[in-house]
Amino acid sequence: FVKATYNYQKLDSSSLSFVVGDVIEVLTTLESGWWDGLLGNDRGWFPSNHV
């Protein structure tokens, strides 16, 4: 699990939106810096430099 340090608005249906303080369960990490995560019932990719 990681905590959001910045807000992030998803760019498309495969991304995950969140706000500062949200706790995201990380499911997959890529060397590119994009991580796949779960927040409530929402799942999607997000930039790891925002957590």
PDB file of N, CA and C in Angstrom:
ATOM      1  N   PHE A   1       0.841  -1.190   0.000  1.00  0.00           N
ATOM      2  CA  PHE A   1       0.000   0.000   0.000  1.00  0.00           C
ATOM      3  C   PHE A   1       0.879   1.244   0.000  1.00  0.00           C
ATOM      4  N   VAL A   2       0.410   2.279  -0.689  1.00  0.00           N
ATOM      5  CA  VAL A   2       1.111   3.565  -0.726  1.00  0.00           C
ATOM      6  C   VAL A   2       0.094   4.684  -0.489  1.00  0.00           C
ATOM      7  N   LYS A   3       0.596   5.833  -0.036  1.00  0.00           N
ATOM      8  CA  LYS A   3      -0.271   6.995   0.203  1.00  0.00           C
ATOM      9  C   LYS A   3       0.028   8.061  -0.843  1.00  0.00           C
ATOM     10  N   ALA A   4      -1.025   8.625  -1.415  1.00  0.00           N
ATOM     11  CA  ALA A   4      -0.882   9.666  -2.434  1.00  0.00           C
ATOM     12  C   ALA A   4      -0.312  10.942  -1.820  1.00  0.00           C
ATOM     13  N   THR A   5       0.729  11.484  -2.450  1.00  0.00           N
ATOM     14  CA  THR A   5       1.332  12.734  -2.001  1.00  0.00           C
ATOM     15  C   THR A   5       0.949  13.896  -2.919  1.00  0.00           C
ATOM     16  N   TYR A   6       0.333  13.582  -4.059  1.00  0.00           N
ATOM     17  CA  TYR A   6      -0.170  14.571  -5.014  1.00  0.00           C
ATOM     18  C   TYR A   6      -1.514  14.087  -5.544  1.00  0.00           C
ATOM     19  N   ASN A   7      -2.324  15.003  -6.033  1.00  0.00           N
ATOM     20  CA  ASN A   7      -3.555  14.632  -6.727  1.00  0.00           C
ATOM     21  C   ASN A   7      -3.194  14.115  -8.115  1.00  0.00           C
ATOM     22  N   TYR A   8      -3.998  13.208  -8.634  1.00  0.00           N
ATOM     23  CA  TYR A   8      -3.809  12.724 -10.002  1.00  0.00           C
ATOM     24  C   TYR A   8      -5.169  12.488 -10.637  1.00  0.00           C
ATOM     25  N   GLN A   9      -5.386  13.096 -11.794  1.00  0.00           N
ATOM     26  CA  GLN A   9      -6.627  12.927 -12.553  1.00  0.00           C
ATOM     27  C   GLN A   9      -6.352  11.969 -13.705  1.00  0.00           C
ATOM     28  N   LYS A  10      -7.121  10.903 -13.789  1.00  0.00           N
ATOM     29  CA  LYS A  10      -6.869   9.901 -14.825  1.00  0.00           C
ATOM     30  C   LYS A  10      -6.992  10.495 -16.218  1.00  0.00           C
ATOM     31  N   LEU A  11      -6.180   9.943 -17.123  1.00  0.00           N
ATOM     32  CA  LEU A  11      -6.135  10.418 -18.499  1.00  0.00           C
ATOM     33  C   LEU A  11      -7.077   9.634 -19.405  1.00  0.00           C
ATOM     34  N   ASP A  12      -7.378   8.399 -19.023  1.00  0.00           N
ATOM     35  CA  ASP A  12      -8.266   7.548 -19.807  1.00  0.00           C
ATOM     36  C   ASP A  12      -8.844   6.475 -18.893  1.00  0.00           C
ATOM     37  N   SER A  13      -9.590   5.556 -19.460  1.00  0.00           N
ATOM     38  CA  SER A  13     -10.286   4.556 -18.640  1.00  0.00           C
ATOM     39  C   SER A  13      -9.351   3.536 -17.995  1.00  0.00           C
ATOM     40  N   SER A  14      -8.077   3.488 -18.437  1.00  0.00           N
ATOM     41  CA  SER A  14      -7.141   2.533 -17.835  1.00  0.00           C
ATOM     42  C   SER A  14      -6.344   3.143 -16.682  1.00  0.00           C
ATOM     43  N   SER A  15      -6.571   4.429 -16.400  1.00  0.00           N
ATOM     44  CA  SER A  15      -5.845   5.124 -15.338  1.00  0.00           C
ATOM     45  C   SER A  15      -6.672   5.194 -14.058  1.00  0.00           C
ATOM     46  N   LEU A  16      -6.007   5.577 -12.969  1.00  0.00           N
ATOM     47  CA  LEU A  16      -6.643   5.675 -11.658  1.00  0.00           C
ATOM     48  C   LEU A  16      -6.530   7.103 -11.135  1.00  0.00           C
ATOM     49  N   SER A  17      -7.654   7.712 -10.779  1.00  0.00           N
ATOM     50  CA  SER A  17      -7.658   9.054 -10.177  1.00  0.00           C
ATOM     51  C   SER A  17      -7.593   8.939  -8.658  1.00  0.00           C
ATOM     52  N   PHE A  18      -6.916   9.918  -8.020  1.00  0.00           N
ATOM     53  CA  PHE A  18      -6.864   9.950  -6.561  1.00  0.00           C
ATOM     54  C   PHE A  18      -6.503  11.345  -6.089  1.00  0.00           C
ATOM     55  N   VAL A  19      -6.665  11.574  -4.794  1.00  0.00           N
ATOM     56  CA  VAL A  19      -6.308  12.855  -4.184  1.00  0.00           C
ATOM     57  C   VAL A  19      -5.307  12.607  -3.056  1.00  0.00           C
ATOM     58  N   VAL A  20      -4.624  13.670  -2.654  1.00  0.00           N
ATOM     59  CA  VAL A  20      -3.632  13.586  -1.580  1.00  0.00           C
ATOM     60  C   VAL A  20      -4.236  12.884  -0.370  1.00  0.00           C
ATOM     61  N   GLY A  21      -3.506  11.907   0.164  1.00  0.00           N
ATOM     62  CA  GLY A  21      -3.945  11.191   1.353  1.00  0.00           C
ATOM     63  C   GLY A  21      -4.620   9.867   1.075  1.00  0.00           C
ATOM     64  N   ASP A  22      -5.081   9.654  -0.172  1.00  0.00           N
ATOM     65  CA  ASP A  22      -5.684   8.360  -0.507  1.00  0.00           C
ATOM     66  C   ASP A  22      -4.656   7.249  -0.344  1.00  0.00           C
ATOM     67  N   VAL A  23      -5.105   6.092   0.125  1.00  0.00           N
ATOM     68  CA  VAL A  23      -4.229   4.925   0.276  1.00  0.00           C
ATOM     69  C   VAL A  23      -4.577   3.943  -0.837  1.00  0.00           C
ATOM     70  N   ILE A  24      -3.579   3.624  -1.649  1.00  0.00           N
ATOM     71  CA  ILE A  24      -3.760   2.799  -2.841  1.00  0.00           C
ATOM     72  C   ILE A  24      -3.048   1.468  -2.654  1.00  0.00           C
ATOM     73  N   GLU A  25      -3.742   0.388  -2.963  1.00  0.00           N
ATOM     74  CA  GLU A  25      -3.123  -0.937  -2.949  1.00  0.00           C
ATOM     75  C   GLU A  25      -2.409  -1.123  -4.282  1.00  0.00           C
ATOM     76  N   VAL A  26      -1.093  -1.367  -4.239  1.00  0.00           N
ATOM     77  CA  VAL A  26      -0.304  -1.538  -5.456  1.00  0.00           C
ATOM     78  C   VAL A  26      -0.349  -3.003  -5.880  1.00  0.00           C
ATOM     79  N   LEU A  27      -0.742  -3.235  -7.135  1.00  0.00           N
ATOM     80  CA  LEU A  27      -0.858  -4.594  -7.663  1.00  0.00           C
ATOM     81  C   LEU A  27       0.296  -4.949  -8.589  1.00  0.00           C
ATOM     82  N   THR A  28       0.771  -3.974  -9.376  1.00  0.00           N
ATOM     83  CA  THR A  28       1.848  -4.200 -10.340  1.00  0.00           C
ATOM     84  C   THR A  28       2.719  -2.957 -10.402  1.00  0.00           C
ATOM     85  N   THR A  29       4.040  -3.147 -10.518  1.00  0.00           N
ATOM     86  CA  THR A  29       4.947  -2.015 -10.713  1.00  0.00           C
ATOM     87  C   THR A  29       5.759  -2.249 -11.980  1.00  0.00           C
ATOM     88  N   LEU A  30       5.935  -1.196 -12.759  1.00  0.00           N
ATOM     89  CA  LEU A  30       6.744  -1.264 -13.971  1.00  0.00           C
ATOM     90  C   LEU A  30       7.949  -0.347 -13.821  1.00  0.00           C
ATOM     91  N   GLU A  31       9.061  -0.713 -14.455  1.00  0.00           N
ATOM     92  CA  GLU A  31      10.269   0.105 -14.392  1.00  0.00           C
ATOM     93  C   GLU A  31      10.045   1.486 -14.995  1.00  0.00           C
ATOM     94  N   SER A  32       9.054   1.616 -15.850  1.00  0.00           N
ATOM     95  CA  SER A  32       8.748   2.905 -16.483  1.00  0.00           C
ATOM     96  C   SER A  32       8.219   3.923 -15.474  1.00  0.00           C
ATOM     97  N   GLY A  33       7.838   3.436 -14.269  1.00  0.00           N
ATOM     98  CA  GLY A  33       7.316   4.337 -13.248  1.00  0.00           C
ATOM     99  C   GLY A  33       5.809   4.326 -13.141  1.00  0.00           C
ATOM    100  N   TRP A  34       5.146   3.565 -13.994  1.00  0.00           N
ATOM    101  CA  TRP A  34       3.691   3.432 -13.917  1.00  0.00           C
ATOM    102  C   TRP A  34       3.342   2.214 -13.094  1.00  0.00           C
ATOM    103  N   TRP A  35       2.452   2.404 -12.129  1.00  0.00           N
ATOM    104  CA  TRP A  35       2.015   1.314 -11.253  1.00  0.00           C
ATOM    105  C   TRP A  35       0.527   1.078 -11.435  1.00  0.00           C
ATOM    106  N   ASP A  36       0.126  -0.169 -11.274  1.00  0.00           N
ATOM    107  CA  ASP A  36      -1.278  -0.572 -11.344  1.00  0.00           C
ATOM    108  C   ASP A  36      -1.779  -0.674  -9.915  1.00  0.00           C
ATOM    109  N   GLY A  37      -2.884   0.003  -9.615  1.00  0.00           N
ATOM    110  CA  GLY A  37      -3.361   0.009  -8.237  1.00  0.00           C
ATOM    111  C   GLY A  37      -4.861  -0.065  -8.103  1.00  0.00           C
ATOM    112  N   LEU A  38      -5.264  -0.297  -6.863  1.00  0.00           N
ATOM    113  CA  LEU A  38      -6.669  -0.443  -6.506  1.00  0.00           C
ATOM    114  C   LEU A  38      -7.002   0.570  -5.416  1.00  0.00           C
ATOM    115  N   LEU A  39      -8.057   1.350  -5.646  1.00  0.00           N
ATOM    116  CA  LEU A  39      -8.539   2.333  -4.680  1.00  0.00           C
ATOM    117  C   LEU A  39     -10.044   2.151  -4.583  1.00  0.00           C
ATOM    118  N   GLY A  40     -10.481   1.548  -3.497  1.00  0.00           N
ATOM    119  CA  GLY A  40     -11.894   1.197  -3.385  1.00  0.00           C
ATOM    120  C   GLY A  40     -12.242   0.167  -4.445  1.00  0.00           C
ATOM    121  N   ASN A  41     -13.228   0.473  -5.273  1.00  0.00           N
ATOM    122  CA  ASN A  41     -13.617  -0.421  -6.364  1.00  0.00           C
ATOM    123  C   ASN A  41     -12.990  -0.028  -7.691  1.00  0.00           C
ATOM    124  N   ASP A  42     -12.127   0.994  -7.680  1.00  0.00           N
ATOM    125  CA  ASP A  42     -11.501   1.479  -8.912  1.00  0.00           C
ATOM    126  C   ASP A  42     -10.094   0.926  -9.049  1.00  0.00           C
ATOM    127  N   ARG A  43      -9.766   0.476 -10.264  1.00  0.00           N
ATOM    128  CA  ARG A  43      -8.434  -0.044 -10.543  1.00  0.00           C
ATOM    129  C   ARG A  43      -7.890   0.652 -11.775  1.00  0.00           C
ATOM    130  N   GLY A  44      -6.577   0.962 -11.757  1.00  0.00           N
ATOM    131  CA  GLY A  44      -5.978   1.582 -12.928  1.00  0.00           C
ATOM    132  C   GLY A  44      -4.514   1.913 -12.716  1.00  0.00           C
ATOM    133  N   TRP A  45      -3.901   2.412 -13.783  1.00  0.00           N
ATOM    134  CA  TRP A  45      -2.483   2.784 -13.775  1.00  0.00           C
ATOM    135  C   TRP A  45      -2.325   4.218 -13.294  1.00  0.00           C
ATOM    136  N   PHE A  46      -1.216   4.467 -12.582  1.00  0.00           N
ATOM    137  CA  PHE A  46      -0.929   5.813 -12.080  1.00  0.00           C
ATOM    138  C   PHE A  46       0.581   5.997 -12.001  1.00  0.00           C
ATOM    139  N   PRO A  47       1.060   7.260 -12.028  1.00  0.00           N
ATOM    140  CA  PRO A  47       2.497   7.520 -11.950  1.00  0.00           C
ATOM    141  C   PRO A  47       3.000   7.350 -10.511  1.00  0.00           C
ATOM    142  N   SER A  48       4.042   6.555 -10.356  1.00  0.00           N
ATOM    143  CA  SER A  48       4.559   6.255  -9.015  1.00  0.00           C
ATOM    144  C   SER A  48       5.148   7.481  -8.325  1.00  0.00           C
ATOM    145  N   ASN A  49       5.501   8.521  -9.080  1.00  0.00           N
ATOM    146  CA  ASN A  49       6.056   9.722  -8.442  1.00  0.00           C
ATOM    147  C   ASN A  49       4.980  10.590  -7.795  1.00  0.00           C
ATOM    148  N   HIS A  50       3.728  10.127  -7.798  1.00  0.00           N
ATOM    149  CA  HIS A  50       2.631  10.840  -7.131  1.00  0.00           C
ATOM    150  C   HIS A  50       2.279  10.205  -5.784  1.00  0.00           C
ATOM    151  N   VAL A  51       3.043   9.197  -5.380  1.00  0.00           N
ATOM    152  CA  VAL A  51       2.781   8.514  -4.097  1.00  0.00           C
ATOM    153  C   VAL A  51       4.051   8.436  -3.284  1.00  0.00           C
TER     154      VAL A  51
END
